[in-house]
Structure formats: C-alpha cells, structure tokens
Amino acid sequence: MKARPDARKIWRAAFGAACLITLTACTHKASVEQPPQPGDKAVARVNGAVVWTSDVKREAVAQGLIGPGEPLDPASQPFRQILDEVVDQKLLAAEALRRGLDKALAAQRRLAAARERVLDDVLLDTVVVVNNDAVNGLYQEELKNETPTEQIHLRQIVLASPLEAAQVKKLLAGGASFDALAAEHSKDDSTRFKGGELAPTTMDMLPGAYGAALKDARGGQLVGPFKTDAGWVVARVDDRHQEAPITLEVAKPQIIRFLTYDQVKDLILNLRRRATVQVLIAPPRMAPGASMEPASAPRARPAKP
C-alpha cells in the first residue's frame, strides 16, 4: 500500500507552488533548456519543465537545511528528498493554473506577496556578495582577538578527610594504581569506576577550587589534597595543552552567514532611510522595564562555531 504523504511536505509544497505560479507567469516564454546559472545541471523534468540543481539548493536553503552558498551533493539522500518536494510544488502549481485558481482576488494577493519574496531573494542574491578576501580577513581578525584556551585531562579521587586523602596520595606517589585506588576509596560515584577520569575540559571551565590547585600543575603531576564541595580531592594531570584555534574550513560557513547578515542589515537600513514608512497600528504593549529592539537593529554577532 502506498504511504500517505507527510502533511508538512504537502504544506511546504503548497506554499512553494504559489511562488512557482508567479514565476511561471513571468517566465512562460523563456527557454526551459537554458541553465539559470553557469554550471547548473538538469536533475528532473516535470511535464517537460526542467528542474535544475539550483532549484533544489534554493529550496534546501529556504527550509534551513543548508546555508547560502553551502554545497548539497546531488547524489545524497537529502538532495533527493528536496527534489521530490520541488517536483510536488511544480505539479501543484500546474494544477492550480489549470483550474484557474490564479485569477481569484485572494490568490492574486498571495501571488503578489510571493512575488515580493522572490524579488527579495533575487535582490539579495544580486547585491550581497561575500568573497574569499572578506572571509579570510574576518577569520584572521578573530584569530588575533581570540584568547588562547588550555585543555586539561584529569583524574581524581574524592575522599572524606584530609588525612585519608594524604594517605591515598602517598600510595599513588609510591606507584599504586590510580584506577584501583579510585575504585576502592573515591566518594565520587560518577568517576570511581572509570579510574577517576573526568571529561576533558578547559582551565577556564574548572570549578574554583580545581582551578586554583591546578593552576601551575604539569602533565603527570599529582596535585592535592585540596578541599572541594564534594570532599578532599587528590588529582593527577594526565595531559595539558593549548587548544588549537578553529580552522578556516570549520569557521567559514558561519563567517559567511555573519558577513551576509551584515550586508543585508546595511541594505535594509539604507532603504528605510530613503523610504516613507507609516505604521497604522498602535505599538505593542511592553512589560514594565522591557525595551523593544527596532526591526532594523543590527543582528547579534554569531557565536564562535
């Protein structure tokens, strides 16, 4: 038995169909065989109309599956899934035209809104350009401003008293197994049967008592006993090193998004300065002490990836 289509897919297809009706009306006489952009490839035909790779990528960006400019492999399952949705949109749009639904006043208003969204995208695609020099420049700026962080790998044995902790440290210094002593004596149930091992962390994320005791500790060194909220701790530094900075390859997608948002923000601010905008409704009610950020306010800088 054929599976029922997902309701969310149907909704997205119906919404996309409205946009496609608009585009169909505007480009009906254009050659369907002409690639929309250099290097574009035909990936399907729907009643003779070509679906291009760029059509699928655009839909993936609209759904938030990829960012602008990010790749989407045509051989991947996500690409095929989005392709199926684009095909559905085209079928729905064609059926709506066949029934003359585009002539109704309500449909005309929705088509006009869809046309504005499409023109919005076309404008941004045309004027918002993020090149490699800008990406590399911001990446280098971030590297210069980044505070190096130090990663540390620890083991610990948590004990009830300083005397017991001192005895355990003496056994460790004499060559006793850290794993065995942790399992036998540690009060920390989350680490005692893992050889006292804590998850790797950075020095700036350690609790205060740990940070102070381990500030100058070297790799392989026993530290303590020192007092914590959980008890008296004897710790061993298994490894300690500076974290490598994030690579350009990893940071690039988020840098591109930030630079894109920055250009869009500037464009909108300039357009608002030159436009006459009248809001015909009362401002929203605000909670006491709250402040409202204007729609054209700068977006927050994205967090580091």
C-alpha atoms as a PDB file:
ATOM      1  CA  MET A   1       0.000   0.000   0.000  1.00  0.00           C
ATOM      2  CA  LYS A   2       1.347   3.426  -0.909  1.00  0.00           C
ATOM      3  CA  ALA A   3       2.389   5.502   2.095  1.00  0.00           C
ATOM      4  CA  ARG A   4       0.477   8.703   2.778  1.00  0.00           C
ATOM      5  CA  PRO A   5       2.469  11.886   2.067  1.00  0.00           C
ATOM      6  CA  ASP A   6       3.808  13.766   5.065  1.00  0.00           C
ATOM      7  CA  ALA A   7       1.465  16.661   5.950  1.00  0.00           C
ATOM      8  CA  ARG A   8       4.342  19.080   6.436  1.00  0.00           C
ATOM      9  CA  LYS A   9       5.704  18.226   2.990  1.00  0.00           C
ATOM     10  CA  ILE A  10       2.310  18.913   1.471  1.00  0.00           C
ATOM     11  CA  TRP A  11       2.127  22.280   3.236  1.00  0.00           C
ATOM     12  CA  ARG A  12       5.614  23.272   2.055  1.00  0.00           C
ATOM     13  CA  ALA A  13       4.809  22.111  -1.451  1.00  0.00           C
ATOM     14  CA  ALA A  14       1.621  24.141  -1.477  1.00  0.00           C
ATOM     15  CA  PHE A  15       3.450  27.246  -0.273  1.00  0.00           C
ATOM     16  CA  GLY A  16       6.163  26.761  -2.863  1.00  0.00           C
ATOM     17  CA  ALA A  17       3.530  26.246  -5.516  1.00  0.00           C
ATOM     18  CA  ALA A  18       2.317  29.817  -5.012  1.00  0.00           C
ATOM     19  CA  CYS A  19       5.819  31.086  -5.727  1.00  0.00           C
ATOM     20  CA  LEU A  20       6.099  28.827  -8.754  1.00  0.00           C
ATOM     21  CA  ILE A  21       2.821  30.100 -10.186  1.00  0.00           C
ATOM     22  CA  THR A  22       4.246  33.608 -10.052  1.00  0.00           C
ATOM     23  CA  LEU A  23       7.475  32.547 -11.698  1.00  0.00           C
ATOM     24  CA  THR A  24       5.618  30.518 -14.313  1.00  0.00           C
ATOM     25  CA  ALA A  25       3.556  33.545 -15.260  1.00  0.00           C
ATOM     26  CA  CYS A  26       6.666  35.724 -15.548  1.00  0.00           C
ATOM     27  CA  THR A  27       8.887  33.264 -17.430  1.00  0.00           C
ATOM     28  CA  HIS A  28       6.417  31.260 -19.507  1.00  0.00           C
ATOM     29  CA  LYS A  29       8.103  32.221 -22.776  1.00  0.00           C
ATOM     30  CA  ALA A  30      11.668  31.605 -21.567  1.00  0.00           C
ATOM     31  CA  SER A  31      13.536  28.596 -22.878  1.00  0.00           C
ATOM     32  CA  VAL A  32      13.234  25.741 -20.396  1.00  0.00           C
ATOM     33  CA  GLU A  33      16.524  24.295 -21.604  1.00  0.00           C
ATOM     34  CA  GLN A  34      18.614  27.357 -20.686  1.00  0.00           C
ATOM     35  CA  PRO A  35      20.528  26.788 -17.396  1.00  0.00           C
ATOM     36  CA  PRO A  36      19.625  29.521 -14.898  1.00  0.00           C
ATOM     37  CA  GLN A  37      23.282  29.906 -13.918  1.00  0.00           C
ATOM     38  CA  PRO A  38      26.684  28.664 -15.148  1.00  0.00           C
ATOM     39  CA  GLY A  39      27.357  25.030 -14.323  1.00  0.00           C
ATOM     40  CA  ASP A  40      23.724  24.296 -13.455  1.00  0.00           C
ATOM     41  CA  LYS A  41      22.536  20.787 -14.281  1.00  0.00           C
ATOM     42  CA  ALA A  42      19.096  19.444 -15.080  1.00  0.00           C
ATOM     43  CA  VAL A  43      18.038  16.883 -12.475  1.00  0.00           C
ATOM     44  CA  ALA A  44      14.413  16.199 -13.445  1.00  0.00           C
ATOM     45  CA  ARG A  45      11.614  17.059 -15.891  1.00  0.00           C
ATOM     46  CA  VAL A  46       8.016  17.631 -14.835  1.00  0.00           C
ATOM     47  CA  ASN A  47       5.670  17.568 -17.829  1.00  0.00           C
ATOM     48  CA  GLY A  48       8.560  18.863 -19.919  1.00  0.00           C
ATOM     49  CA  ALA A  49       9.632  21.598 -17.474  1.00  0.00           C
ATOM     50  CA  VAL A  50      13.223  21.229 -16.276  1.00  0.00           C
ATOM     51  CA  VAL A  51      14.161  21.130 -12.607  1.00  0.00           C
ATOM     52  CA  TRP A  52      17.715  22.383 -12.084  1.00  0.00           C
ATOM     53  CA  THR A  53      20.234  21.702  -9.334  1.00  0.00           C
ATOM     54  CA  SER A  54      19.922  25.344  -8.292  1.00  0.00           C
ATOM     55  CA  ASP A  55      16.145  24.910  -7.820  1.00  0.00           C
ATOM     56  CA  VAL A  56      16.745  22.131  -5.318  1.00  0.00           C
ATOM     57  CA  LYS A  57      19.500  24.008  -3.480  1.00  0.00           C
ATOM     58  CA  ARG A  58      17.322  27.113  -3.249  1.00  0.00           C
ATOM     59  CA  GLU A  59      14.542  25.076  -1.640  1.00  0.00           C
ATOM     60  CA  ALA A  60      17.049  23.490   0.771  1.00  0.00           C
ATOM     61  CA  VAL A  61      18.228  26.959   1.818  1.00  0.00           C
ATOM     62  CA  ALA A  62      14.604  28.111   2.245  1.00  0.00           C
ATOM     63  CA  GLN A  63      13.985  25.166   4.579  1.00  0.00           C
ATOM     64  CA  GLY A  64      17.156  25.900   6.552  1.00  0.00           C
ATOM     65  CA  LEU A  65      18.795  22.582   5.655  1.00  0.00           C
ATOM     66  CA  ILE A  66      21.888  24.351   4.288  1.00  0.00           C
ATOM     67  CA  GLY A  67      23.172  27.906   4.401  1.00  0.00           C
ATOM     68  CA  PRO A  68      23.533  30.176   1.369  1.00  0.00           C
ATOM     69  CA  GLY A  69      26.497  29.043  -0.696  1.00  0.00           C
ATOM     70  CA  GLU A  70      26.887  25.736   1.125  1.00  0.00           C
ATOM     71  CA  PRO A  71      27.095  22.575  -1.017  1.00  0.00           C
ATOM     72  CA  LEU A  72      24.396  19.921  -1.396  1.00  0.00           C
ATOM     73  CA  ASP A  73      25.532  16.733  -3.103  1.00  0.00           C
ATOM     74  CA  PRO A  74      23.072  15.677  -5.851  1.00  0.00           C
ATOM     75  CA  ALA A  75      23.895  12.051  -5.005  1.00  0.00           C
ATOM     76  CA  SER A  76      22.799  12.459  -1.373  1.00  0.00           C
ATOM     77  CA  GLN A  77      19.508  11.423   0.187  1.00  0.00           C
ATOM     78  CA  PRO A  78      18.687  14.982   1.400  1.00  0.00           C
ATOM     79  CA  PHE A  79      19.043  16.273  -2.170  1.00  0.00           C
ATOM     80  CA  ARG A  80      16.681  13.585  -3.463  1.00  0.00           C
ATOM     81  CA  GLN A  81      14.162  14.352  -0.730  1.00  0.00           C
ATOM     82  CA  ILE A  82      14.149  18.080  -1.584  1.00  0.00           C
ATOM     83  CA  LEU A  83      13.976  17.240  -5.290  1.00  0.00           C
ATOM     84  CA  ASP A  84      10.783  15.268  -4.644  1.00  0.00           C
ATOM     85  CA  GLU A  85       9.318  18.289  -2.855  1.00  0.00           C
ATOM     86  CA  VAL A  86      10.230  20.622  -5.736  1.00  0.00           C
ATOM     87  CA  VAL A  87       8.526  18.192  -8.149  1.00  0.00           C
ATOM     88  CA  ASP A  88       5.420  18.275  -5.933  1.00  0.00           C
ATOM     89  CA  GLN A  89       5.465  22.075  -5.985  1.00  0.00           C
ATOM     90  CA  LYS A  90       5.570  22.132  -9.768  1.00  0.00           C
ATOM     91  CA  LEU A  91       2.699  19.663 -10.041  1.00  0.00           C
ATOM     92  CA  LEU A  92       0.587  21.652  -7.588  1.00  0.00           C
ATOM     93  CA  ALA A  93       1.350  24.931  -9.362  1.00  0.00           C
ATOM     94  CA  ALA A  94       0.433  23.482 -12.754  1.00  0.00           C
ATOM     95  CA  GLU A  95      -2.837  22.076 -11.405  1.00  0.00           C
ATOM     96  CA  ALA A  96      -3.730  25.413  -9.808  1.00  0.00           C
ATOM     97  CA  LEU A  97      -3.186  27.152 -13.164  1.00  0.00           C
ATOM     98  CA  ARG A  98      -5.261  24.526 -14.963  1.00  0.00           C
ATOM     99  CA  ARG A  99      -8.140  25.210 -12.594  1.00  0.00           C
ATOM    100  CA  GLY A 100      -7.796  28.969 -12.998  1.00  0.00           C
ATOM    101  CA  LEU A 101      -7.196  29.481  -9.296  1.00  0.00           C
ATOM    102  CA  ASP A 102      -4.652  32.186 -10.015  1.00  0.00           C
ATOM    103  CA  LYS A 103      -7.464  34.513 -11.177  1.00  0.00           C
ATOM    104  CA  ALA A 104      -9.192  34.827  -7.774  1.00  0.00           C
ATOM    105  CA  LEU A 105      -8.630  38.084  -5.833  1.00  0.00           C
ATOM    106  CA  ALA A 106      -7.338  36.281  -2.723  1.00  0.00           C
ATOM    107  CA  ALA A 107      -4.961  34.254  -4.893  1.00  0.00           C
ATOM    108  CA  GLN A 108      -3.749  37.421  -6.613  1.00  0.00           C
ATOM    109  CA  ARG A 109      -2.872  38.986  -3.264  1.00  0.00           C
ATOM    110  CA  ARG A 110      -0.996  35.870  -2.148  1.00  0.00           C
ATOM    111  CA  LEU A 111       0.773  35.682  -5.502  1.00  0.00           C
ATOM    112  CA  ALA A 112       1.819  39.312  -5.146  1.00  0.00           C
ATOM    113  CA  ALA A 113       3.247  38.558  -1.694  1.00  0.00           C
ATOM    114  CA  ALA A 114       5.053  35.503  -3.082  1.00  0.00           C
ATOM    115  CA  ARG A 115       6.420  37.619  -5.948  1.00  0.00           C
ATOM    116  CA  GLU A 116       7.772  40.150  -3.435  1.00  0.00           C
ATOM    117  CA  ARG A 117       9.525  37.358  -1.521  1.00  0.00           C
ATOM    118  CA  VAL A 118      11.061  36.066  -4.737  1.00  0.00           C
ATOM    119  CA  LEU A 119      12.214  39.556  -5.744  1.00  0.00           C
ATOM    120  CA  ASP A 120      13.627  39.992  -2.227  1.00  0.00           C
ATOM    121  CA  ASP A 121      15.726  36.860  -2.751  1.00  0.00           C
ATOM    122  CA  VAL A 122      16.789  37.920  -6.242  1.00  0.00           C
ATOM    123  CA  LEU A 123      17.898  41.354  -4.983  1.00  0.00           C
ATOM    124  CA  LEU A 124      19.910  39.840  -2.146  1.00  0.00           C
ATOM    125  CA  ASP A 125      21.470  37.280  -4.491  1.00  0.00           C
ATOM    126  CA  THR A 126      22.486  40.158  -6.761  1.00  0.00           C
ATOM    127  CA  VAL A 127      23.835  42.742  -4.318  1.00  0.00           C
ATOM    128  CA  VAL A 128      25.021  40.663  -1.343  1.00  0.00           C
ATOM    129  CA  VAL A 129      28.407  39.236  -2.251  1.00  0.00           C
ATOM    130  CA  VAL A 130      30.762  37.584   0.217  1.00  0.00           C
ATOM    131  CA  ASN A 131      34.185  36.929  -1.294  1.00  0.00           C
ATOM    132  CA  ASN A 132      37.110  34.905  -0.009  1.00  0.00           C
ATOM    133  CA  ASP A 133      39.122  38.015   0.897  1.00  0.00           C
ATOM    134  CA  ALA A 134      36.360  39.180   3.256  1.00  0.00           C
ATOM    135  CA  VAL A 135      36.058  35.702   4.799  1.00  0.00           C
ATOM    136  CA  ASN A 136      39.815  35.394   5.306  1.00  0.00           C
ATOM    137  CA  GLY A 137      40.007  38.929   6.721  1.00  0.00           C
ATOM    138  CA  LEU A 138      37.365  38.284   9.368  1.00  0.00           C
ATOM    139  CA  TYR A 139      38.913  34.901  10.183  1.00  0.00           C
ATOM    140  CA  GLN A 140      42.335  36.491  10.767  1.00  0.00           C
ATOM    141  CA  GLU A 141      40.722  39.222  12.887  1.00  0.00           C
ATOM    142  CA  GLU A 142      39.030  36.573  15.042  1.00  0.00           C
ATOM    143  CA  LEU A 143      42.328  34.707  15.458  1.00  0.00           C
ATOM    144  CA  LYS A 144      44.076  37.874  16.663  1.00  0.00           C
ATOM    145  CA  ASN A 145      41.323  38.668  19.155  1.00  0.00           C
ATOM    146  CA  GLU A 146      40.908  35.109  20.399  1.00  0.00           C
ATOM    147  CA  THR A 147      42.183  34.338  23.883  1.00  0.00           C
ATOM    148  CA  PRO A 148      44.063  31.007  23.847  1.00  0.00           C
ATOM    149  CA  THR A 149      42.441  28.333  25.986  1.00  0.00           C
ATOM    150  CA  GLU A 150      44.191  25.448  27.664  1.00  0.00           C
ATOM    151  CA  GLN A 151      42.685  21.966  27.675  1.00  0.00           C
ATOM    152  CA  ILE A 152      43.304  19.649  30.612  1.00  0.00           C
ATOM    153  CA  HIS A 153      42.702  15.909  31.187  1.00  0.00           C
ATOM    154  CA  LEU A 154      42.311  14.966  34.850  1.00  0.00           C
ATOM    155  CA  ARG A 155      41.794  12.006  37.124  1.00  0.00           C
ATOM    156  CA  GLN A 156      40.562  12.436  40.670  1.00  0.00           C
ATOM    157  CA  ILE A 157      39.926  10.547  43.878  1.00  0.00           C
ATOM    158  CA  VAL A 158      37.452  12.245  46.219  1.00  0.00           C
ATOM    159  CA  LEU A 159      37.881  11.419  49.911  1.00  0.00           C
ATOM    160  CA  ALA A 160      36.112  12.234  53.155  1.00  0.00           C
ATOM    161  CA  SER A 161      39.012  13.745  55.130  1.00  0.00           C
ATOM    162  CA  PRO A 162      42.402  15.379  54.531  1.00  0.00           C
ATOM    163  CA  LEU A 163      44.114  12.553  56.443  1.00  0.00           C
ATOM    164  CA  GLU A 164      42.607   9.884  54.183  1.00  0.00           C
ATOM    165  CA  ALA A 165      43.468  11.971  51.139  1.00  0.00           C
ATOM    166  CA  ALA A 166      47.087  12.334  52.264  1.00  0.00           C
ATOM    167  CA  GLN A 167      47.362   8.554  52.719  1.00  0.00           C
ATOM    168  CA  VAL A 168      45.979   7.911  49.232  1.00  0.00           C
ATOM    169  CA  LYS A 169      48.387  10.445  47.712  1.00  0.00           C
ATOM    170  CA  LYS A 170      51.285   8.704  49.432  1.00  0.00           C
ATOM    171  CA  LEU A 171      50.220   5.360  47.936  1.00  0.00           C
ATOM    172  CA  LEU A 172      49.965   6.939  44.482  1.00  0.00           C
ATOM    173  CA  ALA A 173      53.412   8.504  44.824  1.00  0.00           C
ATOM    174  CA  GLY A 174      54.734   5.044  45.684  1.00  0.00           C
ATOM    175  CA  GLY A 175      53.418   3.626  42.407  1.00  0.00           C
ATOM    176  CA  ALA A 176      49.981   2.319  43.378  1.00  0.00           C
ATOM    177  CA  SER A 177      47.351   2.051  40.638  1.00  0.00           C
ATOM    178  CA  PHE A 178      45.204   5.182  40.321  1.00  0.00           C
ATOM    179  CA  ASP A 179      42.361   3.074  38.892  1.00  0.00           C
ATOM    180  CA  ALA A 180      42.402   0.652  41.817  1.00  0.00           C
ATOM    181  CA  LEU A 181      42.562   3.344  44.492  1.00  0.00           C
ATOM    182  CA  ALA A 182      39.783   5.353  42.822  1.00  0.00           C
ATOM    183  CA  ALA A 183      37.528   2.294  42.723  1.00  0.00           C
ATOM    184  CA  GLU A 184      38.265   1.436  46.347  1.00  0.00           C
ATOM    185  CA  HIS A 185      38.272   4.853  48.039  1.00  0.00           C
ATOM    186  CA  SER A 186      36.653   7.577  45.926  1.00  0.00           C
ATOM    187  CA  LYS A 187      33.327   9.067  47.059  1.00  0.00           C
ATOM    188  CA  ASP A 188      32.537  10.246  43.518  1.00  0.00           C
ATOM    189  CA  ASP A 189      30.324   7.522  42.046  1.00  0.00           C
ATOM    190  CA  SER A 190      30.409   9.088  38.571  1.00  0.00           C
ATOM    191  CA  THR A 191      34.188   8.583  38.198  1.00  0.00           C
ATOM    192  CA  ARG A 192      35.327   5.971  40.752  1.00  0.00           C
ATOM    193  CA  PHE A 193      34.872   3.028  38.372  1.00  0.00           C
ATOM    194  CA  LYS A 194      36.401   4.946  35.445  1.00  0.00           C
ATOM    195  CA  GLY A 195      39.783   5.285  37.072  1.00  0.00           C
ATOM    196  CA  GLY A 196      38.714   8.669  38.440  1.00  0.00           C
ATOM    197  CA  GLU A 197      38.755  10.109  34.922  1.00  0.00           C
ATOM    198  CA  LEU A 198      36.937  13.372  34.299  1.00  0.00           C
ATOM    199  CA  ALA A 199      35.789  14.540  30.872  1.00  0.00           C
ATOM    200  CA  PRO A 200      38.392  16.740  29.129  1.00  0.00           C
ATOM    201  CA  THR A 201      37.772  20.399  29.863  1.00  0.00           C
ATOM    202  CA  THR A 202      39.482  23.780  29.696  1.00  0.00           C
ATOM    203  CA  MET A 203      41.162  25.559  32.584  1.00  0.00           C
ATOM    204  CA  ASP A 204      38.675  28.427  32.486  1.00  0.00           C
ATOM    205  CA  MET A 205      35.771  25.973  32.926  1.00  0.00           C
ATOM    206  CA  LEU A 206      37.116  24.251  36.033  1.00  0.00           C
ATOM    207  CA  PRO A 207      35.402  24.958  39.405  1.00  0.00           C
ATOM    208  CA  GLY A 208      37.251  27.488  41.536  1.00  0.00           C
ATOM    209  CA  ALA A 209      38.936  25.029  43.906  1.00  0.00           C
ATOM    210  CA  TYR A 210      40.231  22.931  40.993  1.00  0.00           C
ATOM    211  CA  GLY A 211      41.434  25.939  39.041  1.00  0.00           C
ATOM    212  CA  ALA A 212      43.417  27.303  41.955  1.00  0.00           C
ATOM    213  CA  ALA A 213      45.015  23.940  42.832  1.00  0.00           C
ATOM    214  CA  LEU A 214      45.859  23.016  39.231  1.00  0.00           C
ATOM    215  CA  LYS A 215      46.947  26.438  38.017  1.00  0.00           C
ATOM    216  CA  ASP A 216      50.656  25.553  37.773  1.00  0.00           C
ATOM    217  CA  ALA A 217      50.382  21.749  37.573  1.00  0.00           C
ATOM    218  CA  ARG A 218      52.261  19.932  34.815  1.00  0.00           C
ATOM    219  CA  GLY A 219      51.351  16.798  32.890  1.00  0.00           C
ATOM    220  CA  GLY A 220      51.769  13.662  35.018  1.00  0.00           C
ATOM    221  CA  GLN A 221      51.837  15.600  38.298  1.00  0.00           C
ATOM    222  CA  LEU A 222      49.874  14.627  41.411  1.00  0.00           C
ATOM    223  CA  VAL A 223      48.040  17.567  42.989  1.00  0.00           C
ATOM    224  CA  GLY A 224      46.345  17.899  46.355  1.00  0.00           C
ATOM    225  CA  PRO A 225      44.790  17.155  48.634  1.00  0.00           C
ATOM    226  CA  PHE A 226      42.588  20.224  48.155  1.00  0.00           C
ATOM    227  CA  LYS A 227      39.122  20.868  49.548  1.00  0.00           C
ATOM    228  CA  THR A 228      36.023  20.993  47.328  1.00  0.00           C
ATOM    229  CA  ASP A 229      32.282  20.909  47.989  1.00  0.00           C
ATOM    230  CA  ALA A 230      32.345  17.134  47.380  1.00  0.00           C
ATOM    231  CA  GLY A 231      35.253  16.381  49.741  1.00  0.00           C
ATOM    232  CA  TRP A 232      39.043  16.290  49.666  1.00  0.00           C
ATOM    233  CA  VAL A 233      40.497  15.686  46.218  1.00  0.00           C
ATOM    234  CA  VAL A 234      43.720  14.100  45.058  1.00  0.00           C
ATOM    235  CA  ALA A 235      44.105  14.725  41.328  1.00  0.00           C
ATOM    236  CA  ARG A 236      46.506  13.714  38.587  1.00  0.00           C
ATOM    237  CA  VAL A 237      47.068  15.741  35.428  1.00  0.00           C
ATOM    238  CA  ASP A 238      47.207  13.227  32.586  1.00  0.00           C
ATOM    239  CA  ASP A 239      47.596  15.845  29.857  1.00  0.00           C
ATOM    240  CA  ARG A 240      47.578  19.616  29.483  1.00  0.00           C
ATOM    241  CA  HIS A 241      47.952  21.563  26.241  1.00  0.00           C
ATOM    242  CA  GLN A 242      46.844  24.681  24.386  1.00  0.00           C
ATOM    243  CA  GLU A 243      43.724  24.162  22.278  1.00  0.00           C
ATOM    244  CA  ALA A 244      44.329  24.571  18.566  1.00  0.00           C
ATOM    245  CA  PRO A 245      42.431  27.534  17.070  1.00  0.00           C
ATOM    246  CA  ILE A 246      39.408  26.785  14.944  1.00  0.00           C
ATOM    247  CA  THR A 247      40.325  26.155  11.311  1.00  0.00           C
ATOM    248  CA  LEU A 248      39.128  28.365   8.460  1.00  0.00           C
ATOM    249  CA  GLU A 249      37.327  25.392   6.925  1.00  0.00           C
ATOM    250  CA  VAL A 250      35.233  24.902  10.068  1.00  0.00           C
ATOM    251  CA  ALA A 251      34.637  28.612  10.673  1.00  0.00           C
ATOM    252  CA  LYS A 252      33.889  29.559   7.059  1.00  0.00           C
ATOM    253  CA  PRO A 253      30.128  28.743   6.910  1.00  0.00           C
ATOM    254  CA  GLN A 254      29.373  30.849   9.991  1.00  0.00           C
ATOM    255  CA  ILE A 255      31.635  33.683   8.823  1.00  0.00           C
ATOM    256  CA  ILE A 256      29.753  33.724   5.516  1.00  0.00           C
ATOM    257  CA  ARG A 257      26.428  33.883   7.361  1.00  0.00           C
ATOM    258  CA  PHE A 258      27.646  36.755   9.539  1.00  0.00           C
ATOM    259  CA  LEU A 259      29.003  38.761   6.589  1.00  0.00           C
ATOM    260  CA  THR A 260      25.788  38.110   4.657  1.00  0.00           C
ATOM    261  CA  TYR A 261      23.623  39.290   7.561  1.00  0.00           C
ATOM    262  CA  ASP A 262      25.836  42.356   7.937  1.00  0.00           C
ATOM    263  CA  GLN A 263      25.355  43.359   4.291  1.00  0.00           C
ATOM    264  CA  VAL A 264      21.611  42.696   4.436  1.00  0.00           C
ATOM    265  CA  LYS A 265      21.354  44.828   7.582  1.00  0.00           C
ATOM    266  CA  ASP A 266      23.145  47.750   5.898  1.00  0.00           C
ATOM    267  CA  LEU A 267      20.988  47.440   2.779  1.00  0.00           C
ATOM    268  CA  ILE A 268      17.746  47.471   4.784  1.00  0.00           C
ATOM    269  CA  LEU A 269      18.872  50.418   6.925  1.00  0.00           C
ATOM    270  CA  ASN A 270      19.680  52.450   3.793  1.00  0.00           C
ATOM    271  CA  LEU A 271      16.342  51.566   2.185  1.00  0.00           C
ATOM    272  CA  ARG A 272      14.448  52.566   5.339  1.00  0.00           C
ATOM    273  CA  ARG A 273      16.241  55.931   5.464  1.00  0.00           C
ATOM    274  CA  ARG A 274      15.118  56.708   1.907  1.00  0.00           C
ATOM    275  CA  ALA A 275      11.572  55.386   2.309  1.00  0.00           C
ATOM    276  CA  THR A 276       8.423  56.766   3.888  1.00  0.00           C
ATOM    277  CA  VAL A 277       7.025  54.080   6.181  1.00  0.00           C
ATOM    278  CA  GLN A 278       3.823  54.683   8.140  1.00  0.00           C
ATOM    279  CA  VAL A 279       2.753  52.088  10.705  1.00  0.00           C
ATOM    280  CA  LEU A 280      -1.015  52.384  11.134  1.00  0.00           C
ATOM    281  CA  ILE A 281      -1.402  50.358  14.317  1.00  0.00           C
ATOM    282  CA  ALA A 282      -0.567  51.135  17.933  1.00  0.00           C
ATOM    283  CA  PRO A 283       2.793  49.957  19.296  1.00  0.00           C
ATOM    284  CA  PRO A 284       2.736  46.658  21.214  1.00  0.00           C
ATOM    285  CA  ARG A 285       2.270  46.680  24.949  1.00  0.00           C
ATOM    286  CA  MET A 286       5.557  46.240  26.734  1.00  0.00           C
ATOM    287  CA  ALA A 287       6.191  44.681  30.117  1.00  0.00           C
ATOM    288  CA  PRO A 288       7.441  47.169  32.755  1.00  0.00           C
ATOM    289  CA  GLY A 289      11.156  47.819  32.296  1.00  0.00           C
ATOM    290  CA  ALA A 290      11.370  45.979  28.952  1.00  0.00           C
ATOM    291  CA  SER A 291      12.868  47.600  25.854  1.00  0.00           C
ATOM    292  CA  MET A 292      11.931  46.877  22.260  1.00  0.00           C
ATOM    293  CA  GLU A 293      14.647  46.416  19.655  1.00  0.00           C
ATOM    294  CA  PRO A 294      13.791  48.059  16.317  1.00  0.00           C
ATOM    295  CA  ALA A 295      13.318  45.766  13.323  1.00  0.00           C
ATOM    296  CA  SER A 296      16.337  47.315  11.611  1.00  0.00           C
ATOM    297  CA  ALA A 297      18.656  46.939  14.618  1.00  0.00           C
ATOM    298  CA  PRO A 298      21.983  45.179  13.950  1.00  0.00           C
ATOM    299  CA  ARG A 299      21.872  41.447  14.430  1.00  0.00           C
ATOM    300  CA  ALA A 300      23.951  39.976  17.202  1.00  0.00           C
ATOM    301  CA  ARG A 301      27.346  38.680  16.139  1.00  0.00           C
ATOM    302  CA  PRO A 302      27.158  34.878  15.798  1.00  0.00           C
ATOM    303  CA  ALA A 303      28.875  32.849  18.486  1.00  0.00           C
ATOM    304  CA  LYS A 304      32.080  31.074  17.555  1.00  0.00           C
ATOM    305  CA  PRO A 305      31.451  27.705  15.912  1.00  0.00           C
END
